[in-house]
Amino acid sequence: MFTRLGLDAVTEAVYRGMLAHPQDGVAELAARLAMDGQDVRDALVRLSEMALVRICDDEGSQARVVDPRLAMELLLARQQAELTAQQQRMETARAAAAELIAVYAETPAPDSQAGLRYLQGIDAIRDQIELLSGEVREEFLTFAPGGPQAPENMRASRPLNRSMLERGIKMRTIYLDSIRRDQPTIEHAEWLESLGAQVRTVPTLPNRVIVFDRRAALIAADTGNTGAGAALVTSPGMITLLCSLFEHVWRSADPLGTTPRSEAGALSKQQLAVLRMMAEGRTDEAIANGLGVSSRTVRRTVTGLLSELNARSRFQAGVRAVQLGHLPATPD
């Protein structure tokens, strides 16, 4: 009980002993409590500092218990004074922090322009995500390319995601279709949905993008290495453009619990995506990165397309795709 007043176990035992036997000296207390005499003396010193006892001689062998009612009032008054001082220090620190934040906000970064600032490295990106996520009040939108997500990244994101969803934030995330074959990522997406988020998938995504309340956004600077850096966008015009892109992709995306729909006849969305990227002249590796799958999967898909289109080469497959309406005759 007395630990709440700042007494350790030994000091409390000595104090209780003195309350029960106020005439005992150090030797008697040590014997009664089965303690070393020096431990009793040290406890008496602590009790004296707390105004619970008064030392009666220079050697510290005799002490008198202060009336507990008076002692408790003195002790509580001292703790109240310490608490008040701590609160004053906190207010001073809070004011200093607010001043520092204001100065930082008014000072443009050397590599920033109006509405755009570059963040270097994964630590700066994570700090900004944590800061902006804590300020979100309505909506959180995400493009999550790269296919199956890294387990450590999913674990690290859960506290922030849970916090936002429990605050009633509307969260929508678009993954690649390839996550449907990765159980850990599917379980993470289902966990998000269980808390109220909405998740959809598409064959390809342009880049990793996060939009916070339609007032700020983060865009990966390198689609192949999203941890290298990011652009922090606050320009209203650019935010509007990103939100329009998100809504366009969201409308064509498939909800997590459904099977991706086929388009243009018998071709799947993934086959169509491969056709489009082949027509753009991308390599198998670039196509694989765009789909979040392996190069082997891309080669297997291309082989299936050649058979489906009755073509002997990729060039002929492109021609047949245009003839059948799978691709536009001219670039979009």
Protein backbone atom coordinates (compact mmCIF):
# COMPACT_ATOMS: atom_id res chain seq x y z
CA MET A 1 0.00 0.00 0.00
CA PHE A 2 2.75 2.48 0.98
CA THR A 3 4.58 1.89 -2.31
CA ARG A 4 2.14 4.41 -3.83
CA LEU A 5 3.64 6.99 -1.47
CA GLY A 6 7.16 6.23 -2.65
CA LEU A 7 8.21 3.71 0.04
CA ASP A 8 10.15 0.63 -0.99
CA ALA A 9 9.48 -2.71 0.71
CA VAL A 10 12.30 -2.39 3.31
CA THR A 11 11.43 1.19 4.23
CA GLU A 12 7.75 0.28 4.51
CA ALA A 13 8.57 -2.65 6.83
CA VAL A 14 10.63 -0.37 9.09
CA TYR A 15 7.89 2.28 9.11
CA ARG A 16 5.23 -0.27 10.02
CA GLY A 17 7.53 -1.62 12.75
CA MET A 18 7.93 1.84 14.23
CA LEU A 19 4.17 2.45 14.13
CA ALA A 20 3.59 -0.80 16.02
CA HIS A 21 6.51 -0.34 18.45
CA PRO A 22 7.33 3.38 18.67
CA GLN A 23 9.79 2.88 21.55
CA ASP A 24 12.10 0.53 19.60
CA GLY A 25 15.54 1.74 18.62
CA VAL A 26 17.60 0.53 15.65
CA ALA A 27 18.80 -2.59 17.41
CA GLU A 28 15.29 -3.58 18.55
CA LEU A 29 13.79 -2.93 15.11
CA ALA A 30 16.55 -4.91 13.40
CA ALA A 31 15.97 -7.86 15.71
CA ARG A 32 12.18 -7.68 15.45
CA LEU A 33 12.24 -7.44 11.65
CA ALA A 34 15.17 -9.82 11.13
CA MET A 35 17.09 -7.12 9.27
CA ASP A 36 20.64 -5.85 9.22
CA GLY A 37 21.13 -2.81 11.45
CA GLN A 38 22.56 -0.74 8.60
CA ASP A 39 19.51 -1.46 6.45
CA VAL A 40 17.30 -0.18 9.28
CA ARG A 41 19.42 2.99 9.63
CA ASP A 42 19.23 3.61 5.84
CA ALA A 43 15.45 3.14 5.98
CA LEU A 44 15.21 5.63 8.84
CA VAL A 45 17.16 8.17 6.82
CA ARG A 46 14.72 7.77 3.92
CA LEU A 47 11.77 8.07 6.28
CA SER A 48 13.30 11.19 7.79
CA GLU A 49 13.73 12.73 4.35
CA MET A 50 10.05 12.08 3.72
CA ALA A 51 9.14 13.68 7.08
CA LEU A 52 7.60 10.42 8.35
CA VAL A 53 10.04 10.14 11.29
CA ARG A 54 12.40 12.45 13.14
CA ILE A 55 15.95 11.34 13.97
CA CYS A 56 16.62 11.98 17.68
CA ASP A 57 20.43 11.57 17.86
CA ASP A 58 23.48 12.15 15.69
CA GLU A 59 24.18 8.45 15.31
CA GLY A 60 20.72 7.75 13.90
CA SER A 61 20.09 5.01 16.45
CA GLN A 62 16.94 6.63 17.85
CA ALA A 63 13.99 7.98 15.89
CA ARG A 64 10.47 9.13 16.64
CA VAL A 65 7.46 8.49 14.42
CA VAL A 66 5.69 11.66 13.32
CA ASP A 67 1.93 11.59 13.81
CA PRO A 68 0.75 9.80 10.59
CA ARG A 69 -2.00 12.35 9.99
CA LEU A 70 0.50 15.20 9.97
CA ALA A 71 3.10 13.13 8.09
CA MET A 72 0.64 12.19 5.33
CA GLU A 73 -0.42 15.80 4.86
CA LEU A 74 3.23 16.86 4.54
CA LEU A 75 4.03 13.99 2.18
CA LEU A 76 1.01 14.61 -0.04
CA ALA A 77 1.74 18.32 -0.10
CA ARG A 78 5.30 17.62 -1.24
CA GLN A 79 4.10 15.24 -3.95
CA GLN A 80 1.55 17.81 -5.09
CA ALA A 81 4.31 20.41 -5.34
CA GLU A 82 6.44 17.99 -7.38
CA LEU A 83 3.49 17.27 -9.66
CA THR A 84 2.84 20.97 -10.15
CA ALA A 85 6.50 21.53 -11.00
CA GLN A 86 6.40 18.64 -13.46
CA GLN A 87 3.29 20.07 -15.12
CA GLN A 88 5.01 23.43 -15.43
CA ARG A 89 8.02 21.75 -17.06
CA MET A 90 5.66 19.93 -19.45
CA GLU A 91 3.96 23.18 -20.43
CA THR A 92 7.33 24.82 -21.02
CA ALA A 93 8.44 21.87 -23.14
CA ARG A 94 5.16 21.87 -25.07
CA ALA A 95 5.51 25.56 -25.85
CA ALA A 96 9.09 25.07 -27.01
CA ALA A 97 8.02 22.12 -29.20
CA ALA A 98 5.19 24.16 -30.73
CA GLU A 99 7.62 26.98 -31.52
CA LEU A 100 10.07 24.55 -33.12
CA ILE A 101 7.32 22.95 -35.22
CA ALA A 102 6.12 26.37 -36.36
CA VAL A 103 9.63 27.39 -37.40
CA TYR A 104 10.10 24.08 -39.25
CA ALA A 105 6.76 24.44 -41.03
CA GLU A 106 7.59 27.96 -42.19
CA THR A 107 11.06 27.03 -43.44
CA PRO A 108 10.93 25.37 -46.87
CA ALA A 109 13.20 22.39 -47.41
CA PRO A 110 16.13 23.15 -49.75
CA ASP A 111 14.81 20.61 -52.30
CA SER A 112 11.14 21.64 -52.10
CA GLN A 113 8.90 23.61 -54.43
CA ALA A 114 5.39 24.94 -53.94
CA GLY A 115 3.22 21.97 -53.02
CA LEU A 116 5.99 19.41 -53.48
CA ARG A 117 8.76 18.14 -51.19
CA TYR A 118 11.14 15.23 -51.63
CA LEU A 119 11.67 12.72 -48.80
CA GLN A 120 14.95 10.81 -48.85
CA GLY A 121 15.00 7.22 -47.56
CA ILE A 122 12.62 4.82 -45.89
CA ASP A 123 12.93 6.40 -42.41
CA ALA A 124 11.80 9.82 -43.64
CA ILE A 125 8.93 8.18 -45.53
CA ARG A 126 7.78 6.19 -42.49
CA ASP A 127 7.96 9.26 -40.26
CA GLN A 128 5.81 11.22 -42.71
CA ILE A 129 3.28 8.38 -43.02
CA GLU A 130 2.98 8.16 -39.24
CA LEU A 131 2.55 11.92 -38.93
CA LEU A 132 -0.05 12.23 -41.69
CA SER A 133 -1.91 9.08 -40.60
CA GLY A 134 -2.32 10.55 -37.13
CA GLU A 135 -3.87 13.68 -38.65
CA VAL A 136 -6.31 11.87 -40.99
CA ARG A 137 -9.94 12.65 -40.18
CA GLU A 138 -11.98 11.23 -43.08
CA GLU A 139 -10.31 9.21 -45.82
CA PHE A 140 -7.16 7.18 -46.55
CA LEU A 141 -6.55 5.95 -50.14
CA THR A 142 -3.73 3.64 -51.24
CA PHE A 143 -2.25 2.14 -54.39
CA ALA A 144 -0.23 -0.88 -53.19
CA PRO A 145 1.73 -2.31 -56.15
CA GLY A 146 4.52 -4.86 -55.91
CA GLY A 147 2.32 -7.92 -55.57
CA PRO A 148 2.62 -9.92 -52.32
CA GLN A 149 3.59 -7.58 -49.50
CA ALA A 150 6.62 -8.11 -47.23
CA PRO A 151 5.54 -9.66 -43.90
CA GLU A 152 7.54 -7.12 -41.87
CA ASN A 153 5.88 -4.22 -43.71
CA MET A 154 2.41 -5.63 -43.09
CA ARG A 155 3.17 -6.12 -39.40
CA ALA A 156 4.58 -2.61 -39.10
CA SER A 157 1.51 -1.07 -40.77
CA ARG A 158 -1.07 -2.74 -38.52
CA PRO A 159 -0.98 -0.35 -35.54
CA LEU A 160 -1.52 2.71 -37.77
CA ASN A 161 -4.21 0.95 -39.83
CA ARG A 162 -6.05 -0.21 -36.71
CA SER A 163 -5.85 3.26 -35.16
CA MET A 164 -7.34 4.93 -38.24
CA LEU A 165 -10.09 2.36 -38.75
CA GLU A 166 -11.10 2.49 -35.08
CA ARG A 167 -11.41 6.28 -35.48
CA GLY A 168 -13.92 5.70 -38.28
CA ILE A 169 -11.57 6.66 -41.14
CA LYS A 170 -12.78 5.48 -44.56
CA MET A 171 -9.92 3.35 -45.90
CA ARG A 172 -9.69 2.03 -49.46
CA THR A 173 -6.71 0.05 -50.76
CA ILE A 174 -6.02 -1.31 -54.25
CA TYR A 175 -3.57 -4.23 -54.55
CA LEU A 176 -2.42 -6.20 -57.56
CA ASP A 177 -4.37 -9.31 -58.56
CA SER A 178 -1.23 -11.34 -57.83
CA ILE A 179 -1.79 -11.04 -54.06
CA ARG A 180 -4.67 -13.49 -54.45
CA ARG A 181 -2.08 -16.26 -54.70
CA ASP A 182 -0.18 -15.16 -51.58
CA GLN A 183 -1.86 -16.33 -48.37
CA PRO A 184 -0.10 -13.92 -45.92
CA THR A 185 -1.08 -10.89 -48.01
CA ILE A 186 -4.64 -12.16 -48.45
CA GLU A 187 -4.91 -12.68 -44.68
CA HIS A 188 -3.67 -9.13 -44.11
CA ALA A 189 -6.18 -7.74 -46.62
CA GLU A 190 -8.98 -9.74 -44.99
CA TRP A 191 -7.89 -8.40 -41.60
CA LEU A 192 -8.21 -4.86 -42.96
CA GLU A 193 -11.69 -5.64 -44.26
CA SER A 194 -12.70 -7.13 -40.90
CA LEU A 195 -12.00 -3.71 -39.35
CA GLY A 196 -14.04 -1.85 -41.97
CA ALA A 197 -11.57 -1.16 -44.80
CA GLN A 198 -12.41 -1.81 -48.46
CA VAL A 199 -9.94 -3.76 -50.61
CA ARG A 200 -9.90 -4.34 -54.36
CA THR A 201 -7.38 -5.67 -56.86
CA VAL A 202 -6.34 -4.88 -60.44
CA PRO A 203 -3.78 -6.43 -62.81
CA THR A 204 -1.45 -3.40 -62.78
CA LEU A 205 -0.91 -0.18 -60.85
CA PRO A 206 1.06 2.89 -61.99
CA ASN A 207 2.96 3.50 -58.74
CA ARG A 208 2.75 3.38 -54.96
CA VAL A 209 0.53 6.26 -53.85
CA ILE A 210 -1.06 7.19 -50.51
CA VAL A 211 -3.62 10.00 -50.27
CA PHE A 212 -4.49 11.51 -46.88
CA ASP A 213 -7.87 13.27 -46.61
CA ARG A 214 -7.50 14.53 -50.19
CA ARG A 215 -5.14 17.20 -48.88
CA ALA A 216 -1.73 15.48 -49.01
CA ALA A 217 -0.23 12.52 -50.85
CA LEU A 218 2.95 10.46 -50.98
CA ILE A 219 4.19 9.15 -54.33
CA ALA A 220 7.10 6.71 -54.57
CA ALA A 221 10.03 8.28 -56.38
CA ASP A 222 11.21 4.92 -57.77
CA THR A 223 8.59 2.31 -58.72
CA GLY A 224 11.22 -0.41 -58.47
CA ASN A 225 12.46 0.65 -55.01
CA THR A 226 9.66 2.38 -53.13
CA GLY A 227 11.82 2.84 -50.03
CA ALA A 228 14.41 4.97 -51.82
CA GLY A 229 12.41 8.17 -51.62
CA ALA A 230 9.01 9.75 -52.09
CA ALA A 231 7.41 13.00 -53.16
CA LEU A 232 5.17 14.67 -50.59
CA VAL A 233 2.45 16.44 -52.57
CA THR A 234 0.20 19.12 -51.10
CA SER A 235 -0.70 21.05 -54.27
CA PRO A 236 -4.55 21.04 -54.55
CA GLY A 237 -4.38 20.59 -58.33
CA MET A 238 -2.07 17.59 -58.12
CA ILE A 239 -4.13 16.06 -55.28
CA THR A 240 -7.29 16.37 -57.41
CA LEU A 241 -5.52 14.62 -60.29
CA LEU A 242 -4.36 11.76 -58.05
CA CYS A 243 -7.83 11.31 -56.56
CA SER A 244 -9.38 11.19 -60.04
CA LEU A 245 -6.86 8.52 -61.02
CA PHE A 246 -7.64 6.54 -57.88
CA GLU A 247 -11.40 6.67 -58.48
CA HIS A 248 -10.94 5.58 -62.11
CA VAL A 249 -8.84 2.57 -61.09
CA TRP A 250 -11.18 1.78 -58.17
CA ARG A 251 -14.20 1.50 -60.48
CA SER A 252 -12.43 -1.06 -62.66
CA ALA A 253 -10.99 -3.04 -59.73
CA ASP A 254 -12.42 -6.30 -58.36
CA PRO A 255 -13.51 -6.63 -54.70
CA LEU A 256 -11.34 -8.98 -52.70
CA GLY A 257 -14.02 -11.64 -52.19
CA THR A 258 -14.83 -11.98 -55.90
CA THR A 259 -13.09 -13.56 -58.88
CA PRO A 260 -11.49 -11.01 -61.25
CA ARG A 261 -13.76 -10.45 -64.22
CA SER A 262 -12.68 -11.18 -67.77
CA GLU A 263 -12.73 -8.48 -70.40
CA ALA A 264 -12.98 -8.52 -74.19
CA GLY A 265 -14.07 -12.08 -74.71
CA ALA A 266 -12.07 -14.95 -73.29
CA LEU A 267 -8.99 -12.98 -72.22
CA SER A 268 -8.49 -12.33 -68.53
CA LYS A 269 -7.53 -8.95 -67.10
CA GLN A 270 -4.00 -10.20 -66.53
CA GLN A 271 -3.68 -11.39 -70.13
CA LEU A 272 -4.89 -8.03 -71.36
CA ALA A 273 -2.41 -6.26 -69.11
CA VAL A 274 0.42 -8.39 -70.49
CA LEU A 275 -0.73 -7.62 -74.05
CA ARG A 276 -0.73 -3.89 -73.37
CA MET A 277 2.73 -3.95 -71.82
CA MET A 278 4.07 -6.10 -74.66
CA ALA A 279 2.70 -3.50 -77.08
CA GLU A 280 4.58 -0.83 -75.09
CA GLY A 281 7.80 -2.77 -75.70
CA ARG A 282 8.42 -3.78 -72.09
CA THR A 283 10.70 -6.68 -71.26
CA ASP A 284 9.47 -9.76 -69.44
CA GLU A 285 11.17 -8.51 -66.27
CA ALA A 286 9.48 -5.11 -66.51
CA ILE A 287 6.12 -6.77 -67.11
CA ALA A 288 6.71 -9.05 -64.11
CA ASN A 289 7.48 -6.05 -61.89
CA GLY A 290 4.35 -4.30 -63.10
CA LEU A 291 2.16 -7.30 -62.32
CA GLY A 292 3.91 -8.28 -59.10
CA VAL A 293 4.63 -11.77 -60.41
CA SER A 294 7.71 -13.74 -61.49
CA SER A 295 9.24 -13.57 -64.98
CA ARG A 296 8.39 -17.26 -65.32
CA THR A 297 4.70 -16.44 -64.81
CA VAL A 298 4.95 -13.75 -67.48
CA ARG A 299 6.53 -16.18 -69.97
CA ARG A 300 3.80 -18.71 -69.21
CA THR A 301 1.12 -16.04 -69.78
CA VAL A 302 2.74 -14.98 -73.06
CA THR A 303 2.81 -18.60 -74.23
CA GLY A 304 -0.89 -18.88 -73.41
CA LEU A 305 -1.61 -15.67 -75.31
CA LEU A 306 0.21 -16.89 -78.41
CA SER A 307 -1.92 -20.02 -78.35
CA GLU A 308 -5.13 -18.10 -77.60
CA LEU A 309 -4.49 -15.66 -80.45
CA ASN A 310 -3.18 -18.34 -82.83
CA ALA A 311 0.04 -16.36 -83.25
CA ARG A 312 3.60 -17.55 -83.83
CA SER A 313 5.40 -14.48 -82.45
CA ARG A 314 4.81 -11.60 -80.10
CA PHE A 315 4.56 -9.21 -83.02
CA GLN A 316 1.91 -11.37 -84.67
CA ALA A 317 0.11 -11.62 -81.32
CA GLY A 318 -0.02 -7.82 -81.21
CA VAL A 319 -1.46 -7.64 -84.70
CA ARG A 320 -4.09 -10.29 -83.88
CA ALA A 321 -4.95 -8.48 -80.61
CA VAL A 322 -5.68 -5.28 -82.56
CA GLN A 323 -7.74 -7.19 -85.15
CA LEU A 324 -9.82 -8.82 -82.41
CA GLY A 325 -10.30 -5.57 -80.52
CA HIS A 326 -8.20 -6.48 -77.50
CA LEU A 327 -5.89 -3.54 -78.22
CA PRO A 328 -6.62 -0.18 -79.86
CA ALA A 329 -5.37 0.26 -83.41
CA THR A 330 -3.46 3.34 -82.30
CA PRO A 331 -1.89 4.15 -78.91
CA ASP A 332 -4.36 5.55 -76.34
